[in-house]
Amino acid sequence: MTIQSFPSLVESYKKDLGLSKLIAPEYVSPDTAVFYKRKSTGDYERIVAPCGVQGLFTAMLKGWLMVAPDKVETPFETPASSALSESDSQVDAAVAKRELANALEQREMREEIKERPYGCPVSGCRKRFNKKSGMLRHKTVMHDSKDK
């Protein structure tokens, strides 16, 4: 998905590192992977970071390696994009604003749901409804059918 969404970033990343193809990072879980970040001493630090679309985008933007340095096909210099720049902080700020907007929207949705007058009477179920008929239909379909 990242490759399709940001082809120019992928090409720039491969060019900076002297790679002919992009190698996927080693996944630790479905949404995290191992990356290698260059330290100021020139060594690489192994880090585990999010690896969704945004995580891969950030890793490529910062010039993190997706495989251990000794496994890369050609030697390379530190890419210019690995240094933090003002654009990195702008991208991070934009992402943070988007995440905050999503969190506020979800909070508002939860408040609206809490205000609904009819709650499911089954212990442990937190569903709420605007009409009694909706609550009864939910109870019949979701809870009464499981008893049979």
N, C-alpha and C. Protein backbone atom coordinates (compact mmCIF):
# COMPACT_ATOMS: atom_id res chain seq x y z
N MET A 1 0.83 -1.19 0.00
CA MET A 1 0.00 0.00 0.00
C MET A 1 0.88 1.26 0.00
N THR A 2 1.93 1.27 0.80
CA THR A 2 2.82 2.43 0.84
C THR A 2 3.50 2.63 -0.50
N ILE A 3 3.90 1.53 -1.13
CA ILE A 3 4.58 1.61 -2.41
C ILE A 3 3.66 2.21 -3.46
N GLN A 4 2.39 1.81 -3.44
CA GLN A 4 1.42 2.32 -4.41
C GLN A 4 1.05 3.77 -4.10
N SER A 5 0.97 4.12 -2.83
CA SER A 5 0.55 5.47 -2.45
C SER A 5 1.65 6.51 -2.61
N PHE A 6 2.90 6.11 -2.41
CA PHE A 6 4.01 7.07 -2.43
C PHE A 6 5.15 6.57 -3.32
N PRO A 7 4.90 6.40 -4.64
CA PRO A 7 5.95 5.85 -5.51
C PRO A 7 7.21 6.72 -5.58
N SER A 8 7.06 8.05 -5.52
CA SER A 8 8.25 8.91 -5.60
C SER A 8 9.11 8.77 -4.35
N LEU A 9 8.49 8.59 -3.18
CA LEU A 9 9.24 8.39 -1.94
C LEU A 9 10.01 7.07 -2.01
N VAL A 10 9.36 6.03 -2.51
CA VAL A 10 10.01 4.72 -2.62
C VAL A 10 11.21 4.80 -3.56
N GLU A 11 11.05 5.46 -4.70
CA GLU A 11 12.16 5.60 -5.65
C GLU A 11 13.30 6.40 -5.05
N SER A 12 12.98 7.47 -4.33
CA SER A 12 14.00 8.29 -3.67
C SER A 12 14.75 7.48 -2.61
N TYR A 13 14.00 6.69 -1.84
CA TYR A 13 14.59 5.84 -0.79
C TYR A 13 15.56 4.84 -1.41
N LYS A 14 15.13 4.16 -2.48
CA LYS A 14 16.00 3.17 -3.14
C LYS A 14 17.23 3.84 -3.74
N LYS A 15 17.05 5.01 -4.33
CA LYS A 15 18.17 5.73 -4.94
C LYS A 15 19.18 6.16 -3.88
N ASP A 16 18.68 6.72 -2.75
CA ASP A 16 19.58 7.18 -1.68
C ASP A 16 20.41 6.03 -1.11
N LEU A 17 19.82 4.84 -1.04
CA LEU A 17 20.52 3.70 -0.46
C LEU A 17 21.22 2.83 -1.49
N GLY A 18 21.04 3.15 -2.77
CA GLY A 18 21.67 2.37 -3.83
C GLY A 18 21.05 0.99 -3.99
N LEU A 19 19.77 0.88 -3.80
CA LEU A 19 19.08 -0.41 -3.90
C LEU A 19 18.36 -0.53 -5.23
N SER A 20 18.28 -1.74 -5.76
CA SER A 20 17.54 -1.96 -6.99
C SER A 20 16.10 -2.34 -6.70
N LYS A 21 15.85 -2.93 -5.52
CA LYS A 21 14.46 -3.26 -5.16
C LYS A 21 14.27 -3.04 -3.66
N LEU A 22 13.04 -2.78 -3.29
CA LEU A 22 12.71 -2.54 -1.90
C LEU A 22 12.47 -3.87 -1.20
N ILE A 23 13.15 -4.08 -0.08
CA ILE A 23 13.02 -5.31 0.68
C ILE A 23 12.13 -5.02 1.88
N ALA A 24 11.15 -5.88 2.13
CA ALA A 24 10.24 -5.70 3.26
C ALA A 24 10.98 -5.90 4.57
N PRO A 25 10.60 -5.15 5.60
CA PRO A 25 11.24 -5.33 6.90
C PRO A 25 10.81 -6.64 7.56
N GLU A 26 11.51 -7.02 8.61
CA GLU A 26 11.17 -8.23 9.37
C GLU A 26 10.06 -7.87 10.36
N TYR A 27 8.89 -8.48 10.16
CA TYR A 27 7.74 -8.18 11.02
C TYR A 27 7.84 -8.93 12.34
N VAL A 28 7.56 -8.21 13.43
CA VAL A 28 7.55 -8.78 14.77
C VAL A 28 6.13 -9.17 15.13
N SER A 29 5.17 -8.38 14.69
CA SER A 29 3.75 -8.64 14.87
C SER A 29 3.07 -8.12 13.59
N PRO A 30 1.77 -8.29 13.45
CA PRO A 30 1.12 -7.82 12.23
C PRO A 30 1.27 -6.32 11.98
N ASP A 31 1.50 -5.53 13.02
CA ASP A 31 1.59 -4.09 12.80
C ASP A 31 2.90 -3.46 13.26
N THR A 32 3.90 -4.26 13.61
CA THR A 32 5.21 -3.72 13.97
C THR A 32 6.31 -4.51 13.28
N ALA A 33 7.42 -3.83 13.02
CA ALA A 33 8.54 -4.47 12.34
C ALA A 33 9.86 -3.94 12.89
N VAL A 34 10.94 -4.62 12.51
CA VAL A 34 12.28 -4.22 12.93
C VAL A 34 12.88 -3.31 11.85
N PHE A 35 13.42 -2.17 12.29
CA PHE A 35 14.13 -1.26 11.41
C PHE A 35 15.51 -1.01 12.00
N TYR A 36 16.39 -0.44 11.19
CA TYR A 36 17.74 -0.13 11.64
C TYR A 36 17.97 1.35 11.40
N LYS A 37 18.18 2.08 12.50
CA LYS A 37 18.32 3.54 12.48
C LYS A 37 19.79 3.87 12.68
N ARG A 38 20.34 4.73 11.83
CA ARG A 38 21.74 5.11 11.93
C ARG A 38 21.93 6.09 13.08
N LYS A 39 22.89 5.77 13.96
CA LYS A 39 23.22 6.65 15.08
C LYS A 39 24.27 7.66 14.62
N SER A 40 24.51 8.67 15.44
CA SER A 40 25.48 9.71 15.10
C SER A 40 26.90 9.14 14.99
N THR A 41 27.15 8.00 15.63
CA THR A 41 28.48 7.38 15.58
C THR A 41 28.71 6.61 14.28
N GLY A 42 27.65 6.44 13.48
CA GLY A 42 27.76 5.70 12.24
C GLY A 42 27.28 4.26 12.37
N ASP A 43 27.12 3.79 13.59
CA ASP A 43 26.58 2.44 13.82
C ASP A 43 25.08 2.46 13.62
N TYR A 44 24.50 1.27 13.59
CA TYR A 44 23.06 1.17 13.44
C TYR A 44 22.42 0.63 14.71
N GLU A 45 21.29 1.19 15.05
CA GLU A 45 20.53 0.78 16.22
C GLU A 45 19.30 0.02 15.74
N ARG A 46 19.06 -1.14 16.31
CA ARG A 46 17.89 -1.94 15.96
C ARG A 46 16.70 -1.41 16.75
N ILE A 47 15.63 -1.06 16.04
CA ILE A 47 14.44 -0.55 16.71
C ILE A 47 13.20 -1.28 16.19
N VAL A 48 12.21 -1.41 17.04
CA VAL A 48 10.93 -1.97 16.64
C VAL A 48 9.95 -0.81 16.58
N ALA A 49 9.30 -0.64 15.43
CA ALA A 49 8.42 0.50 15.23
C ALA A 49 7.15 0.07 14.49
N PRO A 50 6.10 0.89 14.55
CA PRO A 50 4.88 0.58 13.80
C PRO A 50 5.20 0.43 12.32
N CYS A 51 4.49 -0.47 11.67
CA CYS A 51 4.82 -0.75 10.27
C CYS A 51 3.58 -0.79 9.39
N GLY A 52 2.59 0.04 9.69
CA GLY A 52 1.47 0.18 8.78
C GLY A 52 1.89 1.10 7.64
N VAL A 53 0.94 1.62 6.91
CA VAL A 53 1.25 2.53 5.81
C VAL A 53 2.03 3.74 6.33
N GLN A 54 1.53 4.35 7.41
CA GLN A 54 2.20 5.53 7.97
C GLN A 54 3.57 5.17 8.53
N GLY A 55 3.70 4.00 9.16
CA GLY A 55 4.98 3.58 9.72
C GLY A 55 6.04 3.38 8.65
N LEU A 56 5.68 2.72 7.54
CA LEU A 56 6.63 2.54 6.45
C LEU A 56 6.99 3.88 5.81
N PHE A 57 5.99 4.74 5.66
CA PHE A 57 6.23 6.07 5.11
C PHE A 57 7.26 6.81 5.96
N THR A 58 7.06 6.80 7.27
CA THR A 58 7.98 7.49 8.18
C THR A 58 9.37 6.87 8.13
N ALA A 59 9.44 5.55 8.12
CA ALA A 59 10.74 4.86 8.07
C ALA A 59 11.52 5.24 6.81
N MET A 60 10.83 5.25 5.67
CA MET A 60 11.51 5.62 4.43
C MET A 60 11.89 7.09 4.43
N LEU A 61 11.02 7.93 4.96
CA LEU A 61 11.30 9.36 5.01
C LEU A 61 12.54 9.65 5.85
N LYS A 62 12.72 8.91 6.92
CA LYS A 62 13.86 9.12 7.81
C LYS A 62 15.09 8.32 7.40
N GLY A 63 14.96 7.48 6.35
CA GLY A 63 16.10 6.74 5.85
C GLY A 63 16.47 5.52 6.69
N TRP A 64 15.53 4.98 7.45
CA TRP A 64 15.81 3.79 8.24
C TRP A 64 15.95 2.59 7.32
N LEU A 65 16.84 1.68 7.67
CA LEU A 65 17.02 0.46 6.88
C LEU A 65 15.95 -0.55 7.28
N MET A 66 15.52 -1.33 6.30
CA MET A 66 14.50 -2.34 6.57
C MET A 66 15.10 -3.72 6.79
N VAL A 67 16.39 -3.83 6.55
CA VAL A 67 17.12 -5.07 6.85
C VAL A 67 18.42 -4.69 7.54
N ALA A 68 19.04 -5.64 8.19
CA ALA A 68 20.30 -5.37 8.88
C ALA A 68 21.33 -4.83 7.88
N PRO A 69 22.18 -3.90 8.29
CA PRO A 69 23.14 -3.28 7.37
C PRO A 69 24.04 -4.27 6.64
N ASP A 70 24.39 -5.39 7.27
CA ASP A 70 25.26 -6.36 6.61
C ASP A 70 24.52 -7.20 5.57
N LYS A 71 23.19 -7.07 5.49
CA LYS A 71 22.41 -7.84 4.52
C LYS A 71 22.02 -7.01 3.30
N VAL A 72 22.40 -5.74 3.27
CA VAL A 72 22.04 -4.87 2.14
C VAL A 72 22.93 -5.20 0.96
N GLU A 73 22.37 -5.13 -0.26
CA GLU A 73 23.08 -5.59 -1.45
C GLU A 73 24.30 -4.77 -1.84
N THR A 74 24.34 -3.46 -1.52
CA THR A 74 25.49 -2.63 -1.88
C THR A 74 25.85 -1.71 -0.73
N PRO A 75 27.12 -1.34 -0.60
CA PRO A 75 27.48 -0.38 0.44
C PRO A 75 26.90 0.98 0.10
N PHE A 76 26.69 1.81 1.12
CA PHE A 76 26.10 3.11 0.86
C PHE A 76 26.52 4.10 1.94
N GLU A 77 26.31 5.34 1.65
CA GLU A 77 26.59 6.42 2.60
C GLU A 77 25.29 6.75 3.33
N THR A 78 25.41 7.57 4.36
CA THR A 78 24.22 8.00 5.07
C THR A 78 23.36 8.82 4.12
N PRO A 79 22.10 8.45 3.95
CA PRO A 79 21.25 9.22 3.05
C PRO A 79 20.96 10.61 3.62
N ALA A 80 20.82 11.56 2.75
CA ALA A 80 20.57 12.94 3.19
C ALA A 80 19.23 13.04 3.90
N SER A 81 18.28 12.18 3.56
CA SER A 81 16.95 12.27 4.14
C SER A 81 16.89 11.73 5.57
N SER A 82 17.96 11.14 6.07
CA SER A 82 17.90 10.56 7.41
C SER A 82 17.99 11.62 8.51
N ALA A 83 18.53 12.79 8.18
CA ALA A 83 18.60 13.85 9.18
C ALA A 83 17.21 14.43 9.39
N LEU A 84 16.88 14.73 10.62
CA LEU A 84 15.58 15.33 10.90
C LEU A 84 15.53 16.72 10.27
N SER A 85 14.46 16.99 9.61
CA SER A 85 14.31 18.30 8.99
C SER A 85 12.99 18.90 9.42
N GLU A 86 12.78 20.12 9.01
CA GLU A 86 11.54 20.80 9.37
C GLU A 86 10.34 20.09 8.75
N SER A 87 10.51 19.53 7.56
CA SER A 87 9.39 18.84 6.91
C SER A 87 8.98 17.60 7.70
N ASP A 88 9.93 16.92 8.37
CA ASP A 88 9.59 15.76 9.21
C ASP A 88 8.67 16.19 10.34
N SER A 89 8.99 17.31 10.98
CA SER A 89 8.15 17.77 12.09
C SER A 89 6.80 18.22 11.58
N GLN A 90 6.74 18.76 10.35
CA GLN A 90 5.46 19.14 9.77
C GLN A 90 4.61 17.92 9.49
N VAL A 91 5.22 16.86 8.97
CA VAL A 91 4.50 15.61 8.71
C VAL A 91 4.01 15.03 10.02
N ASP A 92 4.88 15.00 11.04
CA ASP A 92 4.49 14.48 12.35
C ASP A 92 3.36 15.32 12.95
N ALA A 93 3.41 16.64 12.79
CA ALA A 93 2.37 17.51 13.31
C ALA A 93 1.05 17.26 12.59
N ALA A 94 1.11 17.08 11.28
CA ALA A 94 -0.11 16.81 10.52
C ALA A 94 -0.74 15.48 10.95
N VAL A 95 0.10 14.47 11.16
CA VAL A 95 -0.39 13.16 11.61
C VAL A 95 -1.01 13.29 13.00
N ALA A 96 -0.34 14.02 13.88
CA ALA A 96 -0.86 14.20 15.24
C ALA A 96 -2.20 14.93 15.22
N LYS A 97 -2.33 15.95 14.37
CA LYS A 97 -3.61 16.68 14.26
C LYS A 97 -4.71 15.76 13.77
N ARG A 98 -4.39 14.93 12.78
CA ARG A 98 -5.38 14.00 12.23
C ARG A 98 -5.81 12.99 13.28
N GLU A 99 -4.85 12.46 14.05
CA GLU A 99 -5.17 11.50 15.11
C GLU A 99 -6.00 12.14 16.21
N LEU A 100 -5.70 13.38 16.55
CA LEU A 100 -6.47 14.11 17.56
C LEU A 100 -7.90 14.32 17.08
N ALA A 101 -8.06 14.71 15.82
CA ALA A 101 -9.40 14.92 15.26
C ALA A 101 -10.20 13.63 15.30
N ASN A 102 -9.55 12.50 14.96
CA ASN A 102 -10.23 11.20 15.02
C ASN A 102 -10.63 10.85 16.44
N ALA A 103 -9.76 11.10 17.40
CA ALA A 103 -10.06 10.79 18.80
C ALA A 103 -11.22 11.63 19.30
N LEU A 104 -11.25 12.91 18.93
CA LEU A 104 -12.35 13.78 19.35
C LEU A 104 -13.67 13.35 18.71
N GLU A 105 -13.60 12.94 17.46
CA GLU A 105 -14.80 12.47 16.76
C GLU A 105 -15.33 11.20 17.42
N GLN A 106 -14.44 10.28 17.78
CA GLN A 106 -14.87 9.04 18.45
C GLN A 106 -15.45 9.35 19.82
N ARG A 107 -14.90 10.32 20.53
CA ARG A 107 -15.43 10.70 21.84
C ARG A 107 -16.86 11.22 21.70
N GLU A 108 -17.08 12.06 20.69
CA GLU A 108 -18.42 12.60 20.45
C GLU A 108 -19.40 11.47 20.12
N MET A 109 -18.95 10.51 19.31
CA MET A 109 -19.81 9.37 18.96
C MET A 109 -20.17 8.57 20.21
N ARG A 110 -19.21 8.35 21.10
CA ARG A 110 -19.48 7.60 22.33
C ARG A 110 -20.50 8.34 23.19
N GLU A 111 -20.38 9.66 23.26
CA GLU A 111 -21.33 10.45 24.04
C GLU A 111 -22.74 10.34 23.47
N GLU A 112 -22.84 10.38 22.13
CA GLU A 112 -24.14 10.23 21.48
C GLU A 112 -24.74 8.86 21.79
N ILE A 113 -23.93 7.82 21.74
CA ILE A 113 -24.41 6.46 22.00
C ILE A 113 -24.87 6.33 23.44
N LYS A 114 -24.14 6.92 24.38
CA LYS A 114 -24.51 6.84 25.80
C LYS A 114 -25.86 7.49 26.06
N GLU A 115 -26.22 8.49 25.27
CA GLU A 115 -27.48 9.22 25.47
C GLU A 115 -28.69 8.46 24.92
N ARG A 116 -28.49 7.39 24.17
CA ARG A 116 -29.62 6.63 23.64
C ARG A 116 -30.41 6.02 24.80
N PRO A 117 -31.75 6.09 24.72
CA PRO A 117 -32.57 5.72 25.87
C PRO A 117 -32.71 4.22 26.16
N TYR A 118 -32.53 3.36 25.17
CA TYR A 118 -32.78 1.93 25.39
C TYR A 118 -31.47 1.14 25.33
N GLY A 119 -31.14 0.50 26.43
CA GLY A 119 -29.93 -0.32 26.51
C GLY A 119 -30.30 -1.79 26.49
N CYS A 120 -29.42 -2.62 25.99
CA CYS A 120 -29.65 -4.07 25.96
C CYS A 120 -29.67 -4.58 27.41
N PRO A 121 -30.71 -5.37 27.77
CA PRO A 121 -30.83 -5.85 29.15
C PRO A 121 -29.92 -7.04 29.48
N VAL A 122 -29.24 -7.60 28.50
CA VAL A 122 -28.39 -8.77 28.74
C VAL A 122 -27.12 -8.32 29.45
N SER A 123 -26.78 -9.03 30.50
CA SER A 123 -25.60 -8.69 31.30
C SER A 123 -24.33 -8.72 30.45
N GLY A 124 -23.56 -7.66 30.50
CA GLY A 124 -22.30 -7.58 29.78
C GLY A 124 -22.41 -6.92 28.41
N CYS A 125 -23.62 -6.78 27.88
CA CYS A 125 -23.80 -6.15 26.56
C CYS A 125 -23.99 -4.65 26.76
N ARG A 126 -23.27 -3.86 26.00
CA ARG A 126 -23.30 -2.41 26.18
C ARG A 126 -24.01 -1.68 25.04
N LYS A 127 -24.66 -2.40 24.15
CA LYS A 127 -25.34 -1.79 23.02
C LYS A 127 -26.50 -0.93 23.50
N ARG A 128 -26.70 0.23 22.82
CA ARG A 128 -27.79 1.14 23.16
C ARG A 128 -28.52 1.52 21.88
N PHE A 129 -29.81 1.83 22.02
CA PHE A 129 -30.66 2.07 20.86
C PHE A 129 -31.57 3.26 21.08
N ASN A 130 -31.99 3.89 19.96
CA ASN A 130 -32.92 5.02 20.02
C ASN A 130 -34.36 4.54 20.21
N LYS A 131 -34.67 3.36 19.70
CA LYS A 131 -36.03 2.84 19.78
C LYS A 131 -36.05 1.50 20.50
N LYS A 132 -37.15 1.24 21.19
CA LYS A 132 -37.30 -0.02 21.90
C LYS A 132 -37.30 -1.19 20.92
N SER A 133 -37.87 -0.99 19.74
CA SER A 133 -37.93 -2.07 18.74
C SER A 133 -36.52 -2.48 18.30
N GLY A 134 -35.62 -1.53 18.19
CA GLY A 134 -34.24 -1.84 17.82
C GLY A 134 -33.56 -2.67 18.90
N MET A 135 -33.80 -2.31 20.15
CA MET A 135 -33.21 -3.05 21.27
C MET A 135 -33.76 -4.48 21.31
N LEU A 136 -35.07 -4.62 21.11
CA LEU A 136 -35.69 -5.96 21.14
C LEU A 136 -35.18 -6.83 19.98
N ARG A 137 -35.07 -6.24 18.80
CA ARG A 137 -34.55 -6.98 17.64
C ARG A 137 -33.11 -7.44 17.92
N HIS A 138 -32.28 -6.55 18.45
CA HIS A 138 -30.89 -6.89 18.80
C HIS A 138 -30.86 -8.04 19.80
N LYS A 139 -31.67 -7.94 20.84
CA LYS A 139 -31.70 -8.98 21.88
C LYS A 139 -32.09 -10.32 21.28
N THR A 140 -33.11 -10.32 20.42
CA THR A 140 -33.58 -11.56 19.80
C THR A 140 -32.51 -12.16 18.89
N VAL A 141 -31.95 -11.32 18.03
CA VAL A 141 -30.99 -11.83 17.04
C VAL A 141 -29.65 -12.19 17.67
N MET A 142 -29.15 -11.36 18.55
CA MET A 142 -27.80 -11.57 19.07
C MET A 142 -27.73 -12.47 20.32
N HIS A 143 -28.73 -12.41 21.17
CA HIS A 143 -28.62 -13.13 22.44
C HIS A 143 -29.54 -14.34 22.54
N ASP A 144 -30.78 -14.21 22.07
CA ASP A 144 -31.73 -15.32 22.19
C ASP A 144 -31.36 -16.46 21.26
N SER A 145 -30.78 -16.15 20.08
CA SER A 145 -30.42 -17.21 19.12
C SER A 145 -29.24 -18.03 19.62
N LYS A 146 -28.40 -17.47 20.48
CA LYS A 146 -27.23 -18.19 21.00
C LYS A 146 -27.63 -19.20 22.08
N ASP A 147 -28.79 -19.00 22.71
CA ASP A 147 -29.24 -19.90 23.75
C ASP A 147 -29.72 -21.22 23.17
N LYS A 148 -30.11 -21.23 21.91
CA LYS A 148 -30.67 -22.45 21.30
C LYS A 148 -29.64 -23.42 20.88
